Amino acid sequence: MNEPDEKASPVGGKATGFRITPLNFAAAFLLFISAYTWIYGISVVGGHYPRALKSWMFGAIFLLFAMVVSFMDIMLRNFFRETKKLWVVELSFITLAIILFLLAK
């Protein structure tokens, strides 16, 4: 009775653990920025925000970004099983997002 291992990967049949990806780092960074903003607050140089925009709102926005990035990571993991291809796709996604941000700025 040679039953397959529950932890076996569909590709290659080897057991895989937690895979580190670029979007993991991005989500961790956004969670850190969110907590930092909630604890220490935020001030904007050269501009005055009305009282309605409190620091916790900026923290909530960073938390929302972290959740979106985590969701994107889960989606991309389902499409790309190989870690090397996943890294290439996620780094391309991050590069594209940075280029679009700089063009919009």
Protein backbone atom coordinates (compact mmCIF):
# COMPACT_ATOMS: atom_id res chain seq x y z
CA MET A 1 0.00 0.00 0.00
CA ASN A 2 2.04 2.79 -1.38
CA GLU A 3 -0.12 5.86 -0.76
CA PRO A 4 1.03 9.29 -1.94
CA ASP A 5 2.24 11.73 0.67
CA GLU A 6 -0.23 14.52 1.48
CA LYS A 7 2.53 17.12 1.36
CA ALA A 8 3.69 16.07 -2.09
CA SER A 9 3.78 18.78 -4.70
CA PRO A 10 1.86 18.21 -7.93
CA VAL A 11 5.05 19.09 -9.83
CA GLY A 12 7.91 16.70 -9.28
CA GLY A 13 6.33 14.84 -6.36
CA LYS A 14 8.72 16.34 -3.80
CA ALA A 15 7.46 17.73 -0.52
CA THR A 16 7.47 21.51 -0.53
CA GLY A 17 7.35 23.84 2.43
CA PHE A 18 6.84 27.56 2.63
CA ARG A 19 8.14 29.30 -0.48
CA ILE A 20 9.60 32.78 -0.08
CA THR A 21 8.57 35.13 -2.90
CA PRO A 22 9.03 38.85 -3.64
CA LEU A 23 5.38 39.59 -2.86
CA ASN A 24 5.92 38.05 0.60
CA PHE A 25 8.57 40.69 1.21
CA ALA A 26 6.28 43.41 -0.14
CA ALA A 27 3.39 42.32 2.09
CA ALA A 28 5.67 42.18 5.14
CA PHE A 29 6.99 45.66 4.36
CA LEU A 30 3.46 47.05 3.99
CA LEU A 31 2.39 45.44 7.29
CA PHE A 32 5.42 47.02 8.98
CA ILE A 33 4.59 50.45 7.52
CA SER A 34 0.96 50.05 8.60
CA ALA A 35 1.92 49.22 12.20
CA TYR A 36 4.52 52.01 12.28
CA THR A 37 1.95 54.51 11.01
CA TRP A 38 -0.58 53.46 13.62
CA ILE A 39 1.95 53.63 16.47
CA TYR A 40 3.95 56.75 15.59
CA GLY A 41 1.56 58.62 13.32
CA ILE A 42 2.34 60.32 10.04
CA SER A 43 3.17 63.84 8.98
CA VAL A 44 3.33 65.12 5.44
CA VAL A 45 6.01 67.65 4.50
CA GLY A 46 4.85 70.58 2.43
CA GLY A 47 1.14 69.93 2.74
CA HIS A 48 -1.65 70.24 5.21
CA TYR A 49 -4.22 67.50 5.50
CA PRO A 50 -7.59 68.22 7.06
CA ARG A 51 -8.40 66.73 10.43
CA ALA A 52 -10.59 64.11 8.77
CA LEU A 53 -7.48 62.33 7.48
CA LYS A 54 -6.05 60.84 10.65
CA SER A 55 -2.93 58.72 10.85
CA TRP A 56 -4.96 55.56 11.45
CA MET A 57 -6.53 56.02 8.01
CA PHE A 58 -3.10 55.91 6.39
CA GLY A 59 -2.34 52.79 8.44
CA ALA A 60 -5.58 51.21 7.25
CA ILE A 61 -4.70 52.03 3.63
CA PHE A 62 -1.30 50.33 4.00
CA LEU A 63 -3.03 47.35 5.64
CA LEU A 64 -5.43 47.15 2.69
CA PHE A 65 -2.49 47.26 0.26
CA ALA A 66 -0.83 44.41 2.21
CA MET A 67 -4.00 42.32 1.94
CA VAL A 68 -4.22 42.96 -1.82
CA VAL A 69 -0.55 42.03 -2.29
CA SER A 70 -1.06 38.82 -0.28
CA PHE A 71 -4.08 37.93 -2.41
CA MET A 72 -2.05 38.54 -5.59
CA ASP A 73 0.69 36.29 -4.21
CA ILE A 74 -1.80 33.48 -3.59
CA MET A 75 -3.26 33.87 -7.09
CA LEU A 76 0.14 33.84 -8.77
CA ARG A 77 1.22 30.78 -6.73
CA ASN A 78 -1.72 28.87 -8.19
CA PHE A 79 -0.78 29.79 -11.76
CA PHE A 80 2.98 29.26 -11.49
CA ARG A 81 3.98 26.12 -9.58
CA GLU A 82 7.73 26.42 -10.20
CA THR A 83 9.45 28.81 -7.82
CA LYS A 84 11.80 30.22 -10.48
CA LYS A 85 8.93 31.20 -12.79
CA LEU A 86 7.01 32.60 -9.81
CA TRP A 87 9.94 34.83 -8.87
CA VAL A 88 10.26 36.13 -12.44
CA VAL A 89 6.54 36.89 -12.71
CA GLU A 90 6.31 38.54 -9.28
CA LEU A 91 9.42 40.66 -9.84
CA SER A 92 8.00 41.71 -13.21
CA PHE A 93 4.73 42.65 -11.51
CA ILE A 94 6.53 44.72 -8.87
CA THR A 95 8.67 46.43 -11.55
CA LEU A 96 5.58 47.25 -13.61
CA ALA A 97 3.80 48.66 -10.55
CA ILE A 98 6.80 50.88 -9.74
CA ILE A 99 7.06 52.12 -13.33
CA LEU A 100 3.33 52.93 -13.43
CA PHE A 101 3.61 54.74 -10.08
CA LEU A 102 6.52 56.85 -11.33
CA LEU A 103 4.74 57.64 -14.61
CA ALA A 104 1.59 58.71 -12.75
CA LYS A 105 3.62 60.85 -10.39
